[in-house]
C-alpha atoms as a PDB file:
ATOM      1  CA  MET A   1       0.000   0.000   0.000  1.00  0.00           C
ATOM      2  CA  SER A   2       1.304   3.437  -0.940  1.00  0.00           C
ATOM      3  CA  LEU A   3      -0.922   6.398  -0.180  1.00  0.00           C
ATOM      4  CA  LYS A   4      -0.930  10.089  -1.037  1.00  0.00           C
ATOM      5  CA  ILE A   5      -2.597  12.210   1.650  1.00  0.00           C
ATOM      6  CA  VAL A   6      -3.570  15.887   1.838  1.00  0.00           C
ATOM      7  CA  VAL A   7      -3.358  17.666   5.209  1.00  0.00           C
ATOM      8  CA  SER A   8      -4.731  21.139   5.945  1.00  0.00           C
ATOM      9  CA  GLY A   9      -4.289  23.329   9.013  1.00  0.00           C
ATOM     10  CA  VAL A  10      -0.645  22.304   9.376  1.00  0.00           C
ATOM     11  CA  THR A  11       0.378  25.514  11.156  1.00  0.00           C
ATOM     12  CA  GLY A  12      -2.007  24.717  14.017  1.00  0.00           C
ATOM     13  CA  ARG A  13      -1.019  22.413  16.877  1.00  0.00           C
ATOM     14  CA  ILE A  14      -3.245  19.503  15.867  1.00  0.00           C
ATOM     15  CA  GLY A  15      -2.418  19.852  12.177  1.00  0.00           C
ATOM     16  CA  ALA A  16       1.309  19.980  12.933  1.00  0.00           C
ATOM     17  CA  HIS A  17       1.096  16.699  14.857  1.00  0.00           C
ATOM     18  CA  VAL A  18      -0.989  15.124  12.088  1.00  0.00           C
ATOM     19  CA  LEU A  19       1.575  16.214   9.497  1.00  0.00           C
ATOM     20  CA  HIS A  20       4.419  14.736  11.554  1.00  0.00           C
ATOM     21  CA  HIS A  21       2.730  11.360  12.002  1.00  0.00           C
ATOM     22  CA  ALA A  22       1.561  11.195   8.389  1.00  0.00           C
ATOM     23  CA  LEU A  23       5.165  11.647   7.301  1.00  0.00           C
ATOM     24  CA  GLN A  24       6.284   8.922   9.728  1.00  0.00           C
ATOM     25  CA  ASN A  25       3.668   6.402   8.573  1.00  0.00           C
ATOM     26  CA  PRO A  26       5.313   3.796   6.318  1.00  0.00           C
ATOM     27  CA  LEU A  27       2.102   3.309   4.317  1.00  0.00           C
ATOM     28  CA  VAL A  28       2.035   6.984   3.311  1.00  0.00           C
ATOM     29  CA  SER A  29       4.329   7.724   0.398  1.00  0.00           C
ATOM     30  CA  ARG A  30       3.448  11.397  -0.152  1.00  0.00           C
ATOM     31  CA  VAL A  31       1.939  14.190   1.918  1.00  0.00           C
ATOM     32  CA  ILE A  32       0.605  17.406   0.393  1.00  0.00           C
ATOM     33  CA  ALA A  33       0.311  20.124   3.034  1.00  0.00           C
ATOM     34  CA  ILE A  34      -1.925  23.017   2.013  1.00  0.00           C
ATOM     35  CA  SER A  35      -1.237  26.171   3.970  1.00  0.00           C
ATOM     36  CA  ARG A  36      -0.996  29.952   3.790  1.00  0.00           C
ATOM     37  CA  ARG A  37       2.600  29.796   5.032  1.00  0.00           C
ATOM     38  CA  PRO A  38       5.242  27.103   5.397  1.00  0.00           C
ATOM     39  CA  PRO A  39       4.712  24.949   8.509  1.00  0.00           C
ATOM     40  CA  PRO A  40       7.197  25.967  11.239  1.00  0.00           C
ATOM     41  CA  GLY A  41       9.518  23.597  13.048  1.00  0.00           C
ATOM     42  CA  ILE A  42       9.662  20.903  10.393  1.00  0.00           C
ATOM     43  CA  GLU A  43      12.531  20.164   8.060  1.00  0.00           C
ATOM     44  CA  MET A  44      11.710  19.470   4.466  1.00  0.00           C
ATOM     45  CA  HIS A  45      10.959  15.787   4.163  1.00  0.00           C
ATOM     46  CA  ALA A  46      11.302  13.616   1.072  1.00  0.00           C
ATOM     47  CA  LYS A  47       7.594  12.735   1.306  1.00  0.00           C
ATOM     48  CA  LEU A  48       6.399  16.307   1.855  1.00  0.00           C
ATOM     49  CA  GLU A  49       5.234  18.953  -0.601  1.00  0.00           C
ATOM     50  CA  VAL A  50       3.918  22.231   0.781  1.00  0.00           C
ATOM     51  CA  VAL A  51       1.341  23.985  -1.401  1.00  0.00           C
ATOM     52  CA  LEU A  52       0.822  27.620  -0.427  1.00  0.00           C
ATOM     53  CA  LEU A  53      -2.639  29.119  -0.931  1.00  0.00           C
ATOM     54  CA  GLU A  54      -3.702  32.679  -0.246  1.00  0.00           C
ATOM     55  CA  ASP A  55      -7.407  32.009  -0.685  1.00  0.00           C
ATOM     56  CA  PHE A  56      -8.840  28.676   0.442  1.00  0.00           C
ATOM     57  CA  THR A  57     -11.947  29.165  -1.651  1.00  0.00           C
ATOM     58  CA  LYS A  58      -9.943  29.026  -4.893  1.00  0.00           C
ATOM     59  CA  TYR A  59      -7.862  26.169  -6.267  1.00  0.00           C
ATOM     60  CA  PRO A  60      -5.921  27.107  -9.423  1.00  0.00           C
ATOM     61  CA  ASP A  61      -5.146  24.432 -11.993  1.00  0.00           C
ATOM     62  CA  ASP A  62      -1.526  24.092 -10.887  1.00  0.00           C
ATOM     63  CA  VAL A  63      -2.642  23.402  -7.318  1.00  0.00           C
ATOM     64  CA  LEU A  64      -5.258  20.877  -8.440  1.00  0.00           C
ATOM     65  CA  ALA A  65      -2.575  19.103 -10.466  1.00  0.00           C
ATOM     66  CA  LYS A  66      -0.544  18.623  -7.274  1.00  0.00           C
ATOM     67  CA  LEU A  67      -3.573  17.403  -5.302  1.00  0.00           C
ATOM     68  CA  SER A  68      -4.825  15.096  -8.042  1.00  0.00           C
ATOM     69  CA  GLY A  69      -4.551  11.400  -7.295  1.00  0.00           C
ATOM     70  CA  ALA A  70      -4.630  11.786  -3.521  1.00  0.00           C
ATOM     71  CA  ASP A  71      -6.174   8.910  -1.599  1.00  0.00           C
ATOM     72  CA  GLY A  72      -7.368  10.903   1.374  1.00  0.00           C
ATOM     73  CA  CYS A  73      -7.410  14.172   3.277  1.00  0.00           C
ATOM     74  CA  ILE A  74      -7.224  15.101   6.961  1.00  0.00           C
ATOM     75  CA  TRP A  75      -8.927  18.482   7.268  1.00  0.00           C
ATOM     76  CA  CYS A  76      -7.548  20.145  10.423  1.00  0.00           C
ATOM     77  CA  MET A  77      -8.422  23.722   9.517  1.00  0.00           C
ATOM     78  CA  THR A  78     -10.708  24.517  12.423  1.00  0.00           C
ATOM     79  CA  THR A  79     -10.831  26.722  15.534  1.00  0.00           C
ATOM     80  CA  THR A  80     -12.894  27.100  18.683  1.00  0.00           C
ATOM     81  CA  ALA A  81     -14.272  30.395  17.355  1.00  0.00           C
ATOM     82  CA  GLY A  82     -16.814  28.837  14.991  1.00  0.00           C
ATOM     83  CA  ASP A  83     -15.901  31.024  12.009  1.00  0.00           C
ATOM     84  CA  PRO A  84     -18.399  30.197   9.196  1.00  0.00           C
ATOM     85  CA  MET A  85     -15.784  30.821   6.500  1.00  0.00           C
ATOM     86  CA  LEU A  86     -13.367  28.415   8.155  1.00  0.00           C
ATOM     87  CA  GLU A  87     -15.925  25.792   9.131  1.00  0.00           C
ATOM     88  CA  LEU A  88     -18.166  25.870   6.053  1.00  0.00           C
ATOM     89  CA  GLU A  89     -16.762  27.676   3.028  1.00  0.00           C
ATOM     90  CA  TYR A  90     -13.191  26.378   3.075  1.00  0.00           C
ATOM     91  CA  PRO A  91     -13.952  22.640   3.352  1.00  0.00           C
ATOM     92  CA  LYS A  92     -16.760  22.979   0.802  1.00  0.00           C
ATOM     93  CA  ALA A  93     -14.446  24.717  -1.666  1.00  0.00           C
ATOM     94  CA  PHE A  94     -11.803  22.032  -1.217  1.00  0.00           C
ATOM     95  CA  ALA A  95     -14.310  19.220  -1.716  1.00  0.00           C
ATOM     96  CA  GLU A  96     -15.796  20.714  -4.862  1.00  0.00           C
ATOM     97  CA  ALA A  97     -12.386  21.487  -6.327  1.00  0.00           C
ATOM     98  CA  PHE A  98     -10.832  18.121  -5.550  1.00  0.00           C
ATOM     99  CA  ALA A  99     -13.885  16.141  -6.657  1.00  0.00           C
ATOM    100  CA  SER A 100     -13.549  17.760 -10.088  1.00  0.00           C
ATOM    101  CA  THR A 101     -10.194  15.952 -10.496  1.00  0.00           C
ATOM    102  CA  MET A 102     -11.558  12.501  -9.638  1.00  0.00           C
ATOM    103  CA  PRO A 103     -12.234  10.081 -12.516  1.00  0.00           C
ATOM    104  CA  VAL A 104     -15.708   8.547 -12.559  1.00  0.00           C
ATOM    105  CA  ASP A 105     -14.317   5.099 -11.783  1.00  0.00           C
ATOM    106  CA  SER A 106     -11.805   6.254  -9.155  1.00  0.00           C
ATOM    107  CA  LYS A 107     -11.389   4.481  -5.842  1.00  0.00           C
ATOM    108  CA  ARG A 108     -13.164   6.052  -2.894  1.00  0.00           C
ATOM    109  CA  PHE A 109     -11.472   9.155  -1.479  1.00  0.00           C
ATOM    110  CA  ARG A 110     -11.319   9.249   2.326  1.00  0.00           C
ATOM    111  CA  TYR A 111     -11.955  12.719   3.738  1.00  0.00           C
ATOM    112  CA  LEU A 112     -11.600  13.121   7.503  1.00  0.00           C
ATOM    113  CA  HIS A 113     -13.219  16.241   8.943  1.00  0.00           C
ATOM    114  CA  LEU A 114     -11.905  17.358  12.333  1.00  0.00           C
ATOM    115  CA  SER A 115     -14.762  18.565  14.506  1.00  0.00           C
ATOM    116  CA  GLY A 116     -15.259  18.592  18.293  1.00  0.00           C
ATOM    117  CA  GLY A 117     -16.668  16.556  21.136  1.00  0.00           C
ATOM    118  CA  MET A 118     -19.581  18.898  21.935  1.00  0.00           C
ATOM    119  CA  VAL A 119     -20.646  19.736  18.385  1.00  0.00           C
ATOM    120  CA  GLU A 120     -24.406  19.914  17.727  1.00  0.00           C
ATOM    121  CA  ARG A 121     -25.980  19.209  14.340  1.00  0.00           C
ATOM    122  CA  ASP A 122     -29.533  20.131  15.434  1.00  0.00           C
ATOM    123  CA  GLN A 123     -29.784  23.837  14.568  1.00  0.00           C
ATOM    124  CA  GLU A 124     -32.993  24.250  16.577  1.00  0.00           C
ATOM    125  CA  LYS A 125     -31.668  22.835  19.821  1.00  0.00           C
ATOM    126  CA  SER A 126     -31.203  25.241  22.722  1.00  0.00           C
ATOM    127  CA  LEU A 127     -27.643  25.157  24.051  1.00  0.00           C
ATOM    128  CA  TRP A 128     -26.428  26.842  27.206  1.00  0.00           C
ATOM    129  CA  MET A 129     -22.716  26.995  26.375  1.00  0.00           C
ATOM    130  CA  LYS A 130     -21.006  28.120  23.161  1.00  0.00           C
ATOM    131  CA  GLY A 131     -24.157  27.362  21.185  1.00  0.00           C
ATOM    132  CA  SER A 132     -23.270  29.337  18.055  1.00  0.00           C
ATOM    133  CA  MET A 133     -19.854  27.713  17.656  1.00  0.00           C
ATOM    134  CA  ARG A 134     -21.166  24.206  18.298  1.00  0.00           C
ATOM    135  CA  LYS A 135     -23.990  24.615  15.774  1.00  0.00           C
ATOM    136  CA  ILE A 136     -21.759  26.076  13.067  1.00  0.00           C
ATOM    137  CA  LYS A 137     -19.421  23.120  13.453  1.00  0.00           C
ATOM    138  CA  GLY A 138     -22.493  20.882  13.305  1.00  0.00           C
ATOM    139  CA  ARG A 139     -23.476  22.480  10.012  1.00  0.00           C
ATOM    140  CA  GLY A 140     -19.960  21.777   8.783  1.00  0.00           C
ATOM    141  CA  GLU A 141     -20.321  18.105   9.652  1.00  0.00           C
ATOM    142  CA  VAL A 142     -23.670  17.808   7.895  1.00  0.00           C
ATOM    143  CA  GLN A 143     -22.376  19.654   4.849  1.00  0.00           C
ATOM    144  CA  MET A 144     -19.491  17.235   4.354  1.00  0.00           C
ATOM    145  CA  LEU A 145     -21.654  14.170   5.003  1.00  0.00           C
ATOM    146  CA  GLU A 146     -24.158  15.432   2.426  1.00  0.00           C
ATOM    147  CA  PHE A 147     -21.333  15.970  -0.031  1.00  0.00           C
ATOM    148  CA  ALA A 148     -20.418  12.299   0.320  1.00  0.00           C
ATOM    149  CA  LYS A 149     -24.011  11.282  -0.383  1.00  0.00           C
ATOM    150  CA  MET A 150     -23.914  13.197  -3.668  1.00  0.00           C
ATOM    151  CA  ASN A 151     -20.500  11.810  -4.689  1.00  0.00           C
ATOM    152  CA  GLU A 152     -20.271   8.021  -4.583  1.00  0.00           C
ATOM    153  CA  ASN A 153     -16.463   8.028  -4.726  1.00  0.00           C
ATOM    154  CA  TRP A 154     -16.207  10.265  -1.652  1.00  0.00           C
ATOM    155  CA  ARG A 155     -16.228   8.988   1.936  1.00  0.00           C
ATOM    156  CA  THR A 156     -16.575  11.492   4.798  1.00  0.00           C
ATOM    157  CA  VAL A 157     -15.446  10.613   8.308  1.00  0.00           C
ATOM    158  CA  ILE A 158     -16.196  12.972  11.199  1.00  0.00           C
ATOM    159  CA  ALA A 159     -13.740  12.992  14.122  1.00  0.00           C
ATOM    160  CA  ARG A 160     -14.933  14.484  17.417  1.00  0.00           C
ATOM    161  CA  PRO A 161     -12.050  14.635  19.896  1.00  0.00           C
ATOM    162  CA  GLY A 162     -12.394  15.936  23.423  1.00  0.00           C
ATOM    163  CA  MET A 163     -10.003  18.527  24.849  1.00  0.00           C
ATOM    164  CA  VAL A 164      -6.543  18.057  23.366  1.00  0.00           C
ATOM    165  CA  VAL A 165      -3.579  18.252  25.760  1.00  0.00           C
ATOM    166  CA  GLN A 166       0.183  18.116  25.533  1.00  0.00           C
ATOM    167  CA  ARG A 167       1.895  14.871  26.464  1.00  0.00           C
ATOM    168  CA  GLY A 168       4.119  15.315  29.521  1.00  0.00           C
ATOM    169  CA  SER A 169       2.563  18.551  30.745  1.00  0.00           C
ATOM    170  CA  ILE A 170       1.389  18.539  34.363  1.00  0.00           C
ATOM    171  CA  VAL A 171      -2.107  19.755  33.515  1.00  0.00           C
ATOM    172  CA  GLY A 172      -2.400  17.458  30.511  1.00  0.00           C
ATOM    173  CA  GLU A 173      -1.315  14.308  32.313  1.00  0.00           C
ATOM    174  CA  ALA A 174      -3.504  15.091  35.339  1.00  0.00           C
ATOM    175  CA  SER A 175      -6.476  15.556  33.012  1.00  0.00           C
ATOM    176  CA  MET A 176      -5.769  12.234  31.313  1.00  0.00           C
ATOM    177  CA  MET A 177      -5.573  10.443  34.663  1.00  0.00           C
ATOM    178  CA  MET A 178      -8.913  11.844  35.790  1.00  0.00           C
ATOM    179  CA  ALA A 179     -10.673  11.306  32.453  1.00  0.00           C
ATOM    180  CA  GLY A 180      -9.607   7.690  32.039  1.00  0.00           C
ATOM    181  CA  SER A 181     -10.818   6.265  28.729  1.00  0.00           C
ATOM    182  CA  SER A 182     -13.891   8.526  28.518  1.00  0.00           C
ATOM    183  CA  GLY A 183     -12.277  10.595  25.773  1.00  0.00           C
ATOM    184  CA  SER A 184     -12.904  13.904  27.561  1.00  0.00           C
ATOM    185  CA  PHE A 185      -9.194  14.574  27.029  1.00  0.00           C
ATOM    186  CA  ILE A 186      -6.731  13.238  24.476  1.00  0.00           C
ATOM    187  CA  ARG A 187      -3.030  13.877  23.892  1.00  0.00           C
ATOM    188  CA  PHE A 188      -1.979  15.623  20.679  1.00  0.00           C
ATOM    189  CA  ASP A 189       0.163  12.730  19.481  1.00  0.00           C
ATOM    190  CA  GLU A 190      -2.513  10.113  20.187  1.00  0.00           C
ATOM    191  CA  LEU A 191      -5.146  12.130  18.332  1.00  0.00           C
ATOM    192  CA  ALA A 192      -2.839  12.557  15.347  1.00  0.00           C
ATOM    193  CA  LEU A 193      -2.079   8.836  15.254  1.00  0.00           C
ATOM    194  CA  ALA A 194      -5.795   8.003  15.350  1.00  0.00           C
ATOM    195  CA  LEU A 195      -6.630  10.461  12.565  1.00  0.00           C
ATOM    196  CA  VAL A 196      -3.890   9.234  10.249  1.00  0.00           C
ATOM    197  CA  ASP A 197      -4.855   5.620  10.941  1.00  0.00           C
ATOM    198  CA  ALA A 198      -8.510   6.343  10.082  1.00  0.00           C
ATOM    199  CA  VAL A 199      -7.560   7.680   6.652  1.00  0.00           C
ATOM    200  CA  VAL A 200      -4.959   5.002   5.945  1.00  0.00           C
ATOM    201  CA  HIS A 201      -7.038   1.992   7.017  1.00  0.00           C
ATOM    202  CA  GLY A 202     -10.612   3.280   6.865  1.00  0.00           C
ATOM    203  CA  SER A 203     -13.020   4.002   9.675  1.00  0.00           C
ATOM    204  CA  GLU A 204     -16.600   4.246  10.763  1.00  0.00           C
ATOM    205  CA  GLU A 205     -18.385   7.458   9.757  1.00  0.00           C
ATOM    206  CA  LEU A 206     -18.307   9.077  13.226  1.00  0.00           C
ATOM    207  CA  LEU A 207     -15.318   8.839  15.549  1.00  0.00           C
ATOM    208  CA  LEU A 208     -16.452   9.816  19.041  1.00  0.00           C
ATOM    209  CA  PRO A 209     -14.065  10.981  21.807  1.00  0.00           C
ATOM    210  CA  SER A 210     -13.794   7.606  23.553  1.00  0.00           C
ATOM    211  CA  THR A 211     -13.049   5.815  20.273  1.00  0.00           C
ATOM    212  CA  LEU A 212     -10.354   8.320  19.363  1.00  0.00           C
ATOM    213  CA  VAL A 213      -8.563   8.120  22.713  1.00  0.00           C
ATOM    214  CA  GLN A 214      -8.663   4.323  22.803  1.00  0.00           C
ATOM    215  CA  ARG A 215      -7.398   4.008  19.236  1.00  0.00           C
ATOM    216  CA  GLY A 216      -4.762   6.685  19.770  1.00  0.00           C
ATOM    217  CA  GLN A 217      -3.438   5.098  22.953  1.00  0.00           C
ATOM    218  CA  GLN A 218      -3.257   1.679  21.307  1.00  0.00           C
ATOM    219  CA  LEU A 219      -1.343   3.071  18.338  1.00  0.00           C
ATOM    220  CA  ALA A 220       1.038   4.984  20.635  1.00  0.00           C
ATOM    221  CA  ARG A 221       1.786   1.786  22.591  1.00  0.00           C
ATOM    222  CA  GLU A 222       2.383  -0.158  19.379  1.00  0.00           C
ATOM    223  CA  ALA A 223       4.795   2.517  18.176  1.00  0.00           C
ATOM    224  CA  THR A 224       7.027   2.000  21.226  1.00  0.00           C
ATOM    225  CA  GLU A 225       7.035  -1.822  21.149  1.00  0.00           C
END
């Protein structure tokens, strides 16, 4: 197996970890990182190509040529602010642009959409905390799932991690001890491992916090054996 994977949001903390672990995965032969600026703190890798975009609603032909033939994407371009452009317009533009490069008889493209543990798809539901952000992210989930329904060669996976913490930090490790396997908290490296694994090997449509932390911890243990 030799896979070509697209990663967005690589200048963010989650995206940077995802990029690192995608490059380390022996089943991934090429990683295309789409970003406004070069990702910091990473040396150029033989597998890596950084594609710089100023506007994530537009994909020129030369960019599409570099993305063409990819087997999957891990979309990490998200924030806790619930920006509609970031959560809705950017992933939609990517999907429409990339789908235009896919042959009719192509193998199914795996698109993983990073969301959040408390996201709400029901736009009518009354929420007492961060309701606007949670609903906008919910609309983003629905949008990408609907896109898959209209494109038979497209598979959307939604990942809903809990709070993401740094391995080795006092607060992070204390949170992990208290949370157990509930998924309320997950380490950056374990989340990245779980996300890459889901695109490489396939996954159920919705990855809930507990599933992500259990899969991530298993993969982290296997990596040290």
